[in-house]
């Protein structure tokens, strides 16, 4: 099972787990992951430490649960931004804008890059294989869906999917540059001119 499949198929959080993950996320945003204690998460969740440890025996399990939920929310937000009945060009353009905005404006990622770069940067550079695989799998599935709909010609979707995943990761790490990730209208123009040709689409098509 790929990381993307694991995220999408993860069991939805129950009524007890939601407040725990909310409390953990809030603590991570305030203190960073390394400085957040399980006692702090328990306090923010309104639970005793013993109850928290019954749900998550180790801090690493809690961190993983928060990461999976945030990743699933990210994927769902990108999907909601795309009209699946629109043309392939419009779907690619809107998907790129949502993907770029979601990465560059992610509060937890921004926090960790600022306060824990020695931990976060290796995970997003020299050890970024799992994150690239997640992006590649998601984008390849999206391209495959467009191909099945007859909106994109037949070709191996993984190479362009990896190019786009690497671009997205680069933008998340270094949003400064001439690619207008923080200006939606300009980002749409950029995607229409430079991203759609990767999928062998006519940028001028509606």
N, C-alpha and C. Protein backbone atom coordinates (compact mmCIF):
# COMPACT_ATOMS: atom_id res chain seq x y z
N UNK A 1 0.85 -1.19 0.00
CA UNK A 1 0.00 0.00 0.00
C UNK A 1 0.88 1.25 0.00
N UNK A 2 0.61 2.18 -0.90
CA UNK A 2 1.39 3.41 -0.97
C UNK A 2 1.03 4.33 0.19
N UNK A 3 1.89 5.33 0.42
CA UNK A 3 1.61 6.30 1.47
C UNK A 3 0.31 7.03 1.19
N UNK A 4 0.06 7.37 -0.08
CA UNK A 4 -1.17 8.05 -0.44
C UNK A 4 -2.38 7.18 -0.10
N UNK A 5 -2.32 5.90 -0.45
CA UNK A 5 -3.43 5.00 -0.14
C UNK A 5 -3.64 4.90 1.37
N UNK A 6 -2.53 4.87 2.10
CA UNK A 6 -2.64 4.79 3.56
C UNK A 6 -3.34 6.02 4.11
N UNK A 7 -3.00 7.17 3.58
CA UNK A 7 -3.61 8.42 4.05
C UNK A 7 -5.09 8.46 3.72
N UNK A 8 -5.42 8.12 2.47
CA UNK A 8 -6.81 8.21 2.04
C UNK A 8 -7.68 7.14 2.68
N UNK A 9 -7.08 6.01 3.04
CA UNK A 9 -7.86 4.92 3.62
C UNK A 9 -7.78 4.89 5.14
N UNK A 10 -7.08 5.85 5.71
CA UNK A 10 -6.98 5.88 7.17
C UNK A 10 -8.36 5.96 7.79
N UNK A 11 -8.53 5.23 8.88
CA UNK A 11 -9.82 5.24 9.56
C UNK A 11 -10.12 6.65 10.05
N UNK A 12 -11.31 7.18 9.74
CA UNK A 12 -11.64 8.53 10.20
C UNK A 12 -11.53 8.62 11.73
N UNK A 13 -11.09 9.78 12.19
CA UNK A 13 -10.92 9.94 13.62
C UNK A 13 -12.26 9.83 14.33
N UNK A 14 -12.25 9.24 15.51
CA UNK A 14 -13.48 9.14 16.27
C UNK A 14 -13.62 10.36 17.18
N UNK A 15 -14.72 10.38 17.93
CA UNK A 15 -15.01 11.55 18.75
C UNK A 15 -13.94 11.78 19.81
N UNK A 16 -13.28 10.71 20.25
CA UNK A 16 -12.24 10.85 21.27
C UNK A 16 -10.90 11.28 20.67
N UNK A 17 -10.62 10.82 19.46
CA UNK A 17 -9.32 11.11 18.86
C UNK A 17 -9.22 12.54 18.37
N UNK A 18 -10.32 13.10 17.88
CA UNK A 18 -10.29 14.45 17.33
C UNK A 18 -9.70 15.48 18.26
N UNK A 19 -10.20 15.59 19.51
CA UNK A 19 -9.63 16.58 20.43
C UNK A 19 -8.15 16.35 20.73
N UNK A 20 -7.73 15.10 20.73
CA UNK A 20 -6.31 14.81 20.98
C UNK A 20 -5.46 15.36 19.84
N UNK A 21 -5.88 15.09 18.60
CA UNK A 21 -5.11 15.56 17.46
C UNK A 21 -5.16 17.08 17.36
N UNK A 22 -6.32 17.67 17.72
CA UNK A 22 -6.41 19.13 17.74
C UNK A 22 -5.45 19.71 18.78
N UNK A 23 -5.43 19.11 19.96
CA UNK A 23 -4.54 19.59 21.01
C UNK A 23 -3.08 19.43 20.64
N UNK A 24 -2.75 18.30 20.01
CA UNK A 24 -1.37 18.07 19.59
C UNK A 24 -0.95 19.07 18.53
N UNK A 25 -1.83 19.31 17.55
CA UNK A 25 -1.50 20.26 16.49
C UNK A 25 -1.29 21.65 17.07
N UNK A 26 -2.17 22.07 17.98
CA UNK A 26 -2.02 23.39 18.59
C UNK A 26 -0.70 23.50 19.35
N UNK A 27 -0.34 22.44 20.06
CA UNK A 27 0.93 22.46 20.80
C UNK A 27 2.12 22.48 19.85
N UNK A 28 2.04 21.71 18.78
CA UNK A 28 3.13 21.71 17.79
C UNK A 28 3.32 23.10 17.20
N UNK A 29 2.20 23.80 16.95
CA UNK A 29 2.29 25.14 16.38
C UNK A 29 2.89 26.13 17.39
N UNK A 30 2.59 25.93 18.65
CA UNK A 30 3.10 26.84 19.68
C UNK A 30 4.55 26.56 20.06
N UNK A 31 4.90 25.28 20.18
CA UNK A 31 6.21 24.92 20.72
C UNK A 31 7.11 24.18 19.74
N UNK A 32 6.56 23.69 18.64
CA UNK A 32 7.31 22.77 17.79
C UNK A 32 7.12 21.36 18.29
N UNK A 33 7.43 20.39 17.46
CA UNK A 33 7.21 18.99 17.85
C UNK A 33 8.18 18.56 18.95
N UNK A 34 9.43 18.92 18.81
CA UNK A 34 10.45 18.45 19.75
C UNK A 34 10.18 18.92 21.17
N UNK A 35 9.70 20.16 21.33
CA UNK A 35 9.50 20.73 22.67
C UNK A 35 8.12 20.43 23.24
N UNK A 36 7.27 19.80 22.46
CA UNK A 36 5.93 19.46 22.95
C UNK A 36 5.97 18.16 23.73
N UNK A 37 5.50 18.20 24.96
CA UNK A 37 5.45 16.99 25.78
C UNK A 37 4.07 16.34 25.69
N UNK A 38 4.02 15.07 26.01
CA UNK A 38 2.73 14.38 26.04
C UNK A 38 1.83 14.98 27.12
N UNK A 39 2.41 15.45 28.22
CA UNK A 39 1.62 16.09 29.26
C UNK A 39 0.94 17.36 28.73
N UNK A 40 1.66 18.11 27.89
CA UNK A 40 1.08 19.32 27.31
C UNK A 40 -0.09 18.96 26.40
N UNK A 41 0.07 17.92 25.61
CA UNK A 41 -1.02 17.49 24.72
C UNK A 41 -2.21 17.03 25.54
N UNK A 42 -1.95 16.28 26.60
CA UNK A 42 -3.04 15.81 27.47
C UNK A 42 -3.80 16.99 28.06
N UNK A 43 -3.07 18.00 28.53
CA UNK A 43 -3.72 19.17 29.12
C UNK A 43 -4.58 19.89 28.10
N UNK A 44 -4.07 20.07 26.89
CA UNK A 44 -4.83 20.77 25.86
C UNK A 44 -6.02 19.95 25.38
N UNK A 45 -5.93 18.65 25.52
CA UNK A 45 -7.01 17.77 25.07
C UNK A 45 -8.06 17.54 26.16
N UNK A 46 -7.79 18.03 27.37
CA UNK A 46 -8.71 17.81 28.47
C UNK A 46 -8.69 16.39 28.99
N UNK A 47 -7.54 15.73 28.86
CA UNK A 47 -7.42 14.34 29.29
C UNK A 47 -6.31 14.20 30.33
N UNK A 48 -6.34 13.10 31.02
CA UNK A 48 -5.22 12.77 31.90
C UNK A 48 -4.10 12.18 31.05
N UNK A 49 -2.85 12.31 31.47
CA UNK A 49 -1.76 11.68 30.72
C UNK A 49 -1.97 10.18 30.53
N UNK A 50 -2.52 9.52 31.54
CA UNK A 50 -2.74 8.07 31.43
C UNK A 50 -3.70 7.74 30.30
N UNK A 51 -4.76 8.56 30.18
CA UNK A 51 -5.73 8.33 29.11
C UNK A 51 -5.09 8.55 27.75
N UNK A 52 -4.28 9.61 27.65
CA UNK A 52 -3.59 9.89 26.38
C UNK A 52 -2.68 8.73 26.00
N UNK A 53 -1.93 8.22 26.96
CA UNK A 53 -1.00 7.12 26.66
C UNK A 53 -1.73 5.83 26.29
N UNK A 54 -2.98 5.69 26.73
CA UNK A 54 -3.75 4.52 26.30
C UNK A 54 -4.10 4.62 24.82
N UNK A 55 -4.27 5.84 24.33
CA UNK A 55 -4.59 6.04 22.92
C UNK A 55 -3.33 6.07 22.05
N UNK A 56 -2.28 6.68 22.58
CA UNK A 56 -1.02 6.80 21.85
C UNK A 56 0.11 6.45 22.82
N UNK A 57 0.62 5.25 22.70
CA UNK A 57 1.63 4.78 23.65
C UNK A 57 2.94 5.54 23.54
N UNK A 58 3.22 6.07 22.35
CA UNK A 58 4.47 6.79 22.13
C UNK A 58 4.17 8.11 21.43
N UNK A 59 5.02 9.09 21.68
CA UNK A 59 4.85 10.39 21.05
C UNK A 59 4.94 10.28 19.53
N UNK A 60 5.80 9.40 19.04
CA UNK A 60 5.96 9.24 17.59
C UNK A 60 4.66 8.80 16.94
N UNK A 61 3.86 7.99 17.64
CA UNK A 61 2.57 7.56 17.10
C UNK A 61 1.61 8.74 16.99
N UNK A 62 1.67 9.62 17.97
CA UNK A 62 0.82 10.81 17.95
C UNK A 62 1.24 11.74 16.82
N UNK A 63 2.54 11.93 16.66
CA UNK A 63 3.04 12.78 15.57
C UNK A 63 2.59 12.22 14.23
N UNK A 64 2.69 10.91 14.06
CA UNK A 64 2.28 10.29 12.81
C UNK A 64 0.79 10.48 12.57
N UNK A 65 -0.02 10.34 13.60
CA UNK A 65 -1.47 10.51 13.45
C UNK A 65 -1.82 11.93 13.04
N UNK A 66 -1.15 12.91 13.64
CA UNK A 66 -1.37 14.30 13.26
C UNK A 66 -0.95 14.53 11.81
N UNK A 67 0.21 13.99 11.43
CA UNK A 67 0.71 14.16 10.07
C UNK A 67 -0.23 13.55 9.05
N UNK A 68 -0.75 12.36 9.34
CA UNK A 68 -1.66 11.70 8.41
C UNK A 68 -2.95 12.50 8.27
N UNK A 69 -3.47 13.01 9.40
CA UNK A 69 -4.69 13.80 9.31
C UNK A 69 -4.46 15.08 8.52
N UNK A 70 -3.34 15.75 8.76
CA UNK A 70 -3.06 16.98 8.03
C UNK A 70 -2.86 16.70 6.54
N UNK A 71 -2.19 15.60 6.21
CA UNK A 71 -2.00 15.25 4.81
C UNK A 71 -3.33 14.93 4.14
N UNK A 72 -4.20 14.22 4.85
CA UNK A 72 -5.51 13.89 4.28
C UNK A 72 -6.34 15.16 4.08
N UNK A 73 -6.28 16.06 5.04
CA UNK A 73 -6.99 17.33 4.89
C UNK A 73 -6.47 18.10 3.68
N UNK A 74 -5.14 18.05 3.49
CA UNK A 74 -4.53 18.75 2.36
C UNK A 74 -5.04 18.18 1.04
N UNK A 75 -5.01 16.85 0.91
CA UNK A 75 -5.47 16.20 -0.31
C UNK A 75 -6.94 16.51 -0.55
N UNK A 76 -7.75 16.45 0.49
CA UNK A 76 -9.18 16.72 0.34
C UNK A 76 -9.42 18.17 -0.06
N UNK A 77 -8.63 19.10 0.48
CA UNK A 77 -8.78 20.51 0.13
C UNK A 77 -8.44 20.76 -1.34
N UNK A 78 -7.38 20.11 -1.82
CA UNK A 78 -7.02 20.24 -3.23
C UNK A 78 -8.13 19.67 -4.10
N UNK A 79 -8.66 18.52 -3.74
CA UNK A 79 -9.74 17.91 -4.51
C UNK A 79 -10.97 18.81 -4.55
N UNK A 80 -11.29 19.43 -3.43
CA UNK A 80 -12.47 20.30 -3.39
C UNK A 80 -12.30 21.53 -4.27
N UNK A 81 -11.08 21.93 -4.50
CA UNK A 81 -10.83 23.13 -5.30
C UNK A 81 -10.98 22.89 -6.79
N UNK A 82 -11.05 21.61 -7.18
CA UNK A 82 -11.08 21.26 -8.60
C UNK A 82 -12.47 20.77 -9.00
N UNK A 83 -13.00 21.37 -10.06
CA UNK A 83 -14.27 20.92 -10.64
C UNK A 83 -13.96 19.77 -11.59
N UNK A 84 -14.33 18.56 -11.22
CA UNK A 84 -13.98 17.39 -12.02
C UNK A 84 -14.73 17.33 -13.35
N UNK A 85 -15.70 18.22 -13.54
CA UNK A 85 -16.41 18.28 -14.82
C UNK A 85 -15.80 19.33 -15.75
N UNK A 86 -14.85 20.10 -15.24
CA UNK A 86 -14.22 21.14 -16.06
C UNK A 86 -13.25 20.52 -17.05
N UNK A 87 -12.72 21.36 -17.94
CA UNK A 87 -11.74 20.88 -18.91
C UNK A 87 -10.47 20.45 -18.19
N UNK A 88 -9.66 19.67 -18.88
CA UNK A 88 -8.40 19.21 -18.29
C UNK A 88 -7.51 20.40 -17.94
N UNK A 89 -7.48 21.40 -18.82
CA UNK A 89 -6.64 22.57 -18.56
C UNK A 89 -7.06 23.25 -17.27
N UNK A 90 -8.37 23.47 -17.11
CA UNK A 90 -8.85 24.15 -15.91
C UNK A 90 -8.61 23.32 -14.66
N UNK A 91 -8.76 22.01 -14.76
CA UNK A 91 -8.50 21.16 -13.60
C UNK A 91 -7.03 21.21 -13.20
N UNK A 92 -6.15 21.17 -14.19
CA UNK A 92 -4.71 21.23 -13.90
C UNK A 92 -4.34 22.58 -13.30
N UNK A 93 -4.88 23.65 -13.87
CA UNK A 93 -4.57 24.99 -13.38
C UNK A 93 -5.05 25.17 -11.94
N UNK A 94 -6.30 24.82 -11.67
CA UNK A 94 -6.84 25.00 -10.33
C UNK A 94 -6.16 24.07 -9.33
N UNK A 95 -5.84 22.87 -9.78
CA UNK A 95 -5.14 21.94 -8.91
C UNK A 95 -3.77 22.45 -8.53
N UNK A 96 -3.05 23.02 -9.50
CA UNK A 96 -1.71 23.56 -9.22
C UNK A 96 -1.80 24.69 -8.22
N UNK A 97 -2.74 25.61 -8.42
CA UNK A 97 -2.88 26.75 -7.52
C UNK A 97 -3.18 26.28 -6.10
N UNK A 98 -4.12 25.34 -5.97
CA UNK A 98 -4.48 24.83 -4.64
C UNK A 98 -3.32 24.08 -4.00
N UNK A 99 -2.61 23.30 -4.80
CA UNK A 99 -1.47 22.53 -4.30
C UNK A 99 -0.38 23.46 -3.80
N UNK A 100 -0.04 24.47 -4.61
CA UNK A 100 1.02 25.41 -4.24
C UNK A 100 0.64 26.22 -3.01
N UNK A 101 -0.59 26.74 -3.00
CA UNK A 101 -1.03 27.54 -1.86
C UNK A 101 -1.07 26.69 -0.59
N UNK A 102 -1.56 25.47 -0.72
CA UNK A 102 -1.65 24.60 0.45
C UNK A 102 -0.30 24.31 1.08
N UNK A 103 0.71 24.13 0.25
CA UNK A 103 2.05 23.85 0.76
C UNK A 103 2.71 25.09 1.35
N UNK A 104 2.67 26.18 0.60
CA UNK A 104 3.39 27.37 1.04
C UNK A 104 2.72 28.07 2.22
N UNK A 105 1.44 27.80 2.45
CA UNK A 105 0.73 28.44 3.56
C UNK A 105 0.43 27.48 4.70
N UNK A 106 1.02 26.31 4.67
CA UNK A 106 0.78 25.34 5.74
C UNK A 106 1.45 25.81 7.03
N UNK A 107 0.65 26.04 8.05
CA UNK A 107 1.17 26.62 9.29
C UNK A 107 2.18 25.71 9.98
N UNK A 108 1.88 24.42 10.01
CA UNK A 108 2.78 23.50 10.72
C UNK A 108 4.11 23.38 9.98
N UNK A 109 4.06 23.26 8.66
CA UNK A 109 5.29 23.16 7.89
C UNK A 109 6.13 24.41 8.05
N UNK A 110 5.48 25.58 7.98
CA UNK A 110 6.20 26.84 8.14
C UNK A 110 6.84 26.93 9.52
N UNK A 111 6.10 26.51 10.53
CA UNK A 111 6.62 26.54 11.91
C UNK A 111 7.85 25.65 12.05
N UNK A 112 7.75 24.43 11.55
CA UNK A 112 8.85 23.48 11.71
C UNK A 112 10.08 23.89 10.92
N UNK A 113 9.88 24.46 9.73
CA UNK A 113 11.02 24.92 8.95
C UNK A 113 11.74 26.07 9.66
N UNK A 114 10.98 26.85 10.42
CA UNK A 114 11.55 28.00 11.12
C UNK A 114 12.22 27.61 12.43
N UNK A 115 11.56 26.73 13.19
CA UNK A 115 12.04 26.45 14.55
C UNK A 115 12.82 25.14 14.68
N UNK A 116 12.60 24.20 13.76
CA UNK A 116 13.30 22.92 13.84
C UNK A 116 13.89 22.54 12.49
N UNK A 117 14.64 23.46 11.86
CA UNK A 117 15.16 23.16 10.53
C UNK A 117 16.12 21.98 10.50
N UNK A 118 16.84 21.76 11.60
CA UNK A 118 17.80 20.67 11.62
C UNK A 118 17.11 19.31 11.54
N UNK A 119 15.85 19.26 11.95
CA UNK A 119 15.07 18.03 11.85
C UNK A 119 14.25 18.00 10.56
N UNK A 120 13.63 19.13 10.25
CA UNK A 120 12.69 19.19 9.14
C UNK A 120 13.36 19.18 7.78
N UNK A 121 14.44 19.93 7.62
CA UNK A 121 15.08 20.05 6.31
C UNK A 121 15.56 18.71 5.75
N UNK A 122 16.22 17.86 6.54
CA UNK A 122 16.60 16.56 5.98
C UNK A 122 15.40 15.74 5.50
N UNK A 123 14.27 15.84 6.23
CA UNK A 123 13.08 15.08 5.84
C UNK A 123 12.50 15.57 4.52
N UNK A 124 12.79 16.83 4.17
CA UNK A 124 12.24 17.41 2.95
C UNK A 124 13.30 17.57 1.86
N UNK A 125 14.51 17.07 2.11
CA UNK A 125 15.57 17.17 1.10
C UNK A 125 16.21 15.80 0.89
N UNK A 126 17.25 15.51 1.66
CA UNK A 126 17.97 14.26 1.45
C UNK A 126 17.16 13.02 1.81
N UNK A 127 16.14 13.18 2.66
CA UNK A 127 15.30 12.05 3.06
C UNK A 127 13.85 12.24 2.59
N UNK A 128 13.67 12.98 1.51
CA UNK A 128 12.32 13.37 1.08
C UNK A 128 11.62 12.34 0.21
N UNK A 129 12.21 11.16 0.04
CA UNK A 129 11.60 10.15 -0.83
C UNK A 129 10.13 9.88 -0.55
N UNK A 130 9.73 9.66 0.72
CA UNK A 130 8.31 9.39 1.00
C UNK A 130 7.39 10.54 0.63
N UNK A 131 7.85 11.78 0.85
CA UNK A 131 7.01 12.93 0.51
C UNK A 131 6.88 13.08 -1.00
N UNK A 132 7.99 12.86 -1.72
CA UNK A 132 7.92 12.89 -3.18
C UNK A 132 7.00 11.79 -3.70
N UNK A 133 7.08 10.62 -3.09
CA UNK A 133 6.21 9.51 -3.50
C UNK A 133 4.75 9.86 -3.28
N UNK A 134 4.45 10.52 -2.16
CA UNK A 134 3.07 10.93 -1.88
C UNK A 134 2.57 11.87 -2.96
N UNK A 135 3.36 12.91 -3.26
CA UNK A 135 2.96 13.86 -4.29
C UNK A 135 2.86 13.22 -5.66
N UNK A 136 3.84 12.38 -5.99
CA UNK A 136 3.83 11.70 -7.29
C UNK A 136 2.61 10.80 -7.43
N UNK A 137 2.32 10.02 -6.39
CA UNK A 137 1.17 9.11 -6.46
C UNK A 137 -0.13 9.88 -6.64
N UNK A 138 -0.28 10.95 -5.87
CA UNK A 138 -1.51 11.75 -5.96
C UNK A 138 -1.66 12.35 -7.35
N UNK A 139 -0.59 12.95 -7.86
CA UNK A 139 -0.65 13.60 -9.16
C UNK A 139 -0.80 12.58 -10.28
N UNK A 140 -0.14 11.44 -10.17
CA UNK A 140 -0.29 10.40 -11.19
C UNK A 140 -1.72 9.88 -11.22
N UNK A 141 -2.34 9.73 -10.05
CA UNK A 141 -3.73 9.30 -10.01
C UNK A 141 -4.64 10.34 -10.66
N UNK A 142 -4.34 11.61 -10.43
CA UNK A 142 -5.13 12.68 -11.03
C UNK A 142 -5.00 12.67 -12.54
N UNK A 143 -3.77 12.53 -13.03
CA UNK A 143 -3.55 12.46 -14.48
C UNK A 143 -4.24 11.23 -15.05
N UNK A 144 -4.14 10.10 -14.35
CA UNK A 144 -4.79 8.88 -14.81
C UNK A 144 -6.30 9.05 -14.90
N UNK A 145 -6.89 9.76 -13.95
CA UNK A 145 -8.34 10.01 -14.00
C UNK A 145 -8.70 10.82 -15.23
N UNK A 146 -7.90 11.85 -15.53
CA UNK A 146 -8.15 12.66 -16.72
C UNK A 146 -7.99 11.85 -17.99
N UNK A 147 -7.03 10.92 -17.99
CA UNK A 147 -6.84 10.06 -19.15
C UNK A 147 -8.05 9.14 -19.35
N UNK A 148 -8.57 8.58 -18.27
CA UNK A 148 -9.74 7.71 -18.38
C UNK A 148 -10.97 8.47 -18.87
N UNK A 149 -11.02 9.76 -18.55
CA UNK A 149 -12.12 10.60 -19.01
C UNK A 149 -11.94 11.05 -20.46
N UNK A 150 -10.78 10.72 -21.04
CA UNK A 150 -10.51 11.12 -22.41
C UNK A 150 -10.10 12.57 -22.55
N UNK A 151 -9.72 13.20 -21.43
CA UNK A 151 -9.37 14.62 -21.47
C UNK A 151 -7.86 14.84 -21.62
N UNK A 152 -7.09 13.78 -21.41
CA UNK A 152 -5.64 13.83 -21.56
C UNK A 152 -5.22 12.61 -22.36
N UNK A 153 -4.25 12.81 -23.27
CA UNK A 153 -3.81 11.70 -24.11
C UNK A 153 -3.11 10.63 -23.29
N UNK A 154 -2.93 9.46 -23.88
CA UNK A 154 -2.33 8.32 -23.18
C UNK A 154 -0.81 8.46 -23.13
N UNK A 155 -0.25 8.44 -21.95
CA UNK A 155 1.20 8.41 -21.73
C UNK A 155 1.42 8.00 -20.28
N UNK A 156 2.65 7.67 -19.95
CA UNK A 156 2.98 7.29 -18.58
C UNK A 156 2.84 8.53 -17.69
N UNK A 157 1.92 8.52 -16.73
CA UNK A 157 1.70 9.73 -15.94
C UNK A 157 2.76 9.98 -14.86
N UNK A 158 3.59 8.99 -14.57
CA UNK A 158 4.49 9.15 -13.43
C UNK A 158 5.62 10.16 -13.66
N UNK A 159 6.27 10.21 -14.85
CA UNK A 159 7.33 11.21 -15.02
C UNK A 159 6.85 12.65 -14.82
N UNK A 160 5.77 13.09 -15.52
CA UNK A 160 5.33 14.47 -15.25
C UNK A 160 4.83 14.65 -13.82
N UNK A 161 4.25 13.59 -13.24
CA UNK A 161 3.79 13.69 -11.85
C UNK A 161 4.97 13.93 -10.92
N UNK A 162 6.09 13.27 -11.17
CA UNK A 162 7.26 13.48 -10.32
C UNK A 162 7.85 14.86 -10.53
N UNK A 163 7.87 15.34 -11.76
CA UNK A 163 8.36 16.70 -12.01
C UNK A 163 7.55 17.71 -11.20
N UNK A 164 6.22 17.55 -11.24
CA UNK A 164 5.35 18.48 -10.53
C UNK A 164 5.50 18.33 -9.02
N UNK A 165 5.68 17.11 -8.54
CA UNK A 165 5.87 16.89 -7.11
C UNK A 165 7.16 17.55 -6.63
N UNK A 166 8.21 17.43 -7.44
CA UNK A 166 9.49 18.05 -7.07
C UNK A 166 9.37 19.58 -7.11
N UNK A 167 8.63 20.11 -8.07
CA UNK A 167 8.41 21.55 -8.12
C UNK A 167 7.66 22.01 -6.88
N UNK A 168 6.61 21.27 -6.50
CA UNK A 168 5.82 21.64 -5.33
C UNK A 168 6.67 21.63 -4.07
N UNK A 169 7.51 20.62 -3.91
CA UNK A 169 8.37 20.53 -2.73
C UNK A 169 9.36 21.69 -2.71
N UNK A 170 9.90 22.03 -3.86
CA UNK A 170 10.83 23.16 -3.95
C UNK A 170 10.14 24.46 -3.56
N UNK A 171 8.90 24.63 -4.02
CA UNK A 171 8.15 25.84 -3.68
C UNK A 171 7.85 25.91 -2.19
N UNK A 172 7.60 24.75 -1.59
CA UNK A 172 7.33 24.72 -0.15
C UNK A 172 8.57 25.14 0.64
N UNK A 173 9.74 24.71 0.19
CA UNK A 173 10.98 25.02 0.88
C UNK A 173 11.45 26.45 0.61
N UNK A 174 11.27 26.90 -0.63
CA UNK A 174 11.74 28.22 -1.02
C UNK A 174 10.68 28.91 -1.86
N UNK A 175 9.66 29.50 -1.23
CA UNK A 175 8.60 30.14 -2.00
C UNK A 175 9.03 31.43 -2.68
N UNK A 176 10.16 32.00 -2.22
CA UNK A 176 10.64 33.23 -2.84
C UNK A 176 11.16 32.93 -4.25
N UNK A 177 10.77 33.77 -5.19
CA UNK A 177 11.21 33.58 -6.57
C UNK A 177 10.22 34.22 -7.51
N UNK A 178 10.34 33.91 -8.80
CA UNK A 178 9.46 34.56 -9.77
C UNK A 178 8.18 33.78 -10.03
N UNK A 179 8.08 32.55 -9.50
CA UNK A 179 6.82 31.80 -9.62
C UNK A 179 5.85 32.38 -8.60
N UNK A 180 4.72 32.93 -9.05
CA UNK A 180 3.84 33.72 -8.18
C UNK A 180 2.91 32.86 -7.34
N UNK A 181 3.45 32.10 -6.40
CA UNK A 181 2.62 31.16 -5.63
C UNK A 181 1.65 31.87 -4.71
N UNK A 182 1.93 33.11 -4.33
CA UNK A 182 1.05 33.83 -3.41
C UNK A 182 0.10 34.78 -4.11
N UNK A 183 0.05 34.72 -5.43
CA UNK A 183 -0.87 35.54 -6.21
C UNK A 183 -1.70 34.62 -7.09
N UNK A 184 -2.91 34.25 -6.66
CA UNK A 184 -3.70 33.23 -7.37
C UNK A 184 -3.88 33.50 -8.86
N UNK A 185 -4.19 34.73 -9.23
CA UNK A 185 -4.42 35.01 -10.65
C UNK A 185 -3.14 34.80 -11.46
N UNK A 186 -2.03 35.29 -10.94
CA UNK A 186 -0.76 35.11 -11.63
C UNK A 186 -0.33 33.65 -11.62
N UNK A 187 -0.63 32.95 -10.52
CA UNK A 187 -0.29 31.52 -10.45
C UNK A 187 -1.08 30.73 -11.49
N UNK A 188 -2.33 31.12 -11.72
CA UNK A 188 -3.12 30.46 -12.76
C UNK A 188 -2.51 30.68 -14.13
N UNK A 189 -2.08 31.91 -14.39
CA UNK A 189 -1.44 32.20 -15.68
C UNK A 189 -0.17 31.38 -15.84
N UNK A 190 0.61 31.28 -14.77
CA UNK A 190 1.84 30.49 -14.81
C UNK A 190 1.53 29.03 -15.10
N UNK A 191 0.56 28.48 -14.40
CA UNK A 191 0.21 27.07 -14.59
C UNK A 191 -0.30 26.82 -16.00
N UNK A 192 -1.09 27.74 -16.50
CA UNK A 192 -1.64 27.57 -17.86
C UNK A 192 -0.52 27.57 -18.90
N UNK A 193 0.48 28.43 -18.70
CA UNK A 193 1.55 28.56 -19.70
C UNK A 193 2.63 27.49 -19.56
N UNK A 194 2.97 27.12 -18.31
CA UNK A 194 4.14 26.26 -18.12
C UNK A 194 3.84 24.86 -17.58
N UNK A 195 2.72 24.69 -16.89
CA UNK A 195 2.40 23.38 -16.32
C UNK A 195 1.60 22.52 -17.28
N UNK A 196 0.60 23.09 -17.91
CA UNK A 196 -0.25 22.28 -18.80
C UNK A 196 0.52 21.63 -19.95
N UNK A 197 1.57 22.27 -20.51
CA UNK A 197 2.31 21.57 -21.58
C UNK A 197 2.98 20.28 -21.11
N UNK A 198 3.28 20.17 -19.81
CA UNK A 198 3.86 18.92 -19.31
C UNK A 198 2.91 17.75 -19.51
N UNK A 199 1.61 18.05 -19.56
CA UNK A 199 0.60 17.01 -19.74
C UNK A 199 0.10 16.96 -21.17
N UNK A 200 0.86 17.59 -22.06
CA UNK A 200 0.56 17.60 -23.49
C UNK A 200 -0.81 18.22 -23.78
N UNK A 201 -1.10 19.27 -23.03
CA UNK A 201 -2.36 19.99 -23.21
C UNK A 201 -2.09 21.31 -23.91
N UNK A 202 -3.08 21.78 -24.64
CA UNK A 202 -3.01 23.09 -25.27
C UNK A 202 -3.38 24.13 -24.23
N UNK A 203 -2.45 25.01 -23.83
CA UNK A 203 -2.75 25.98 -22.78
C UNK A 203 -3.93 26.88 -23.11
N UNK A 204 -4.21 27.06 -24.39
CA UNK A 204 -5.32 27.92 -24.78
C UNK A 204 -6.66 27.22 -24.83
N UNK A 205 -6.66 25.91 -24.59
CA UNK A 205 -7.92 25.16 -24.65
C UNK A 205 -8.78 25.48 -23.43
N UNK A 206 -10.08 25.45 -23.63
CA UNK A 206 -11.02 25.71 -22.54
C UNK A 206 -11.57 24.39 -22.02
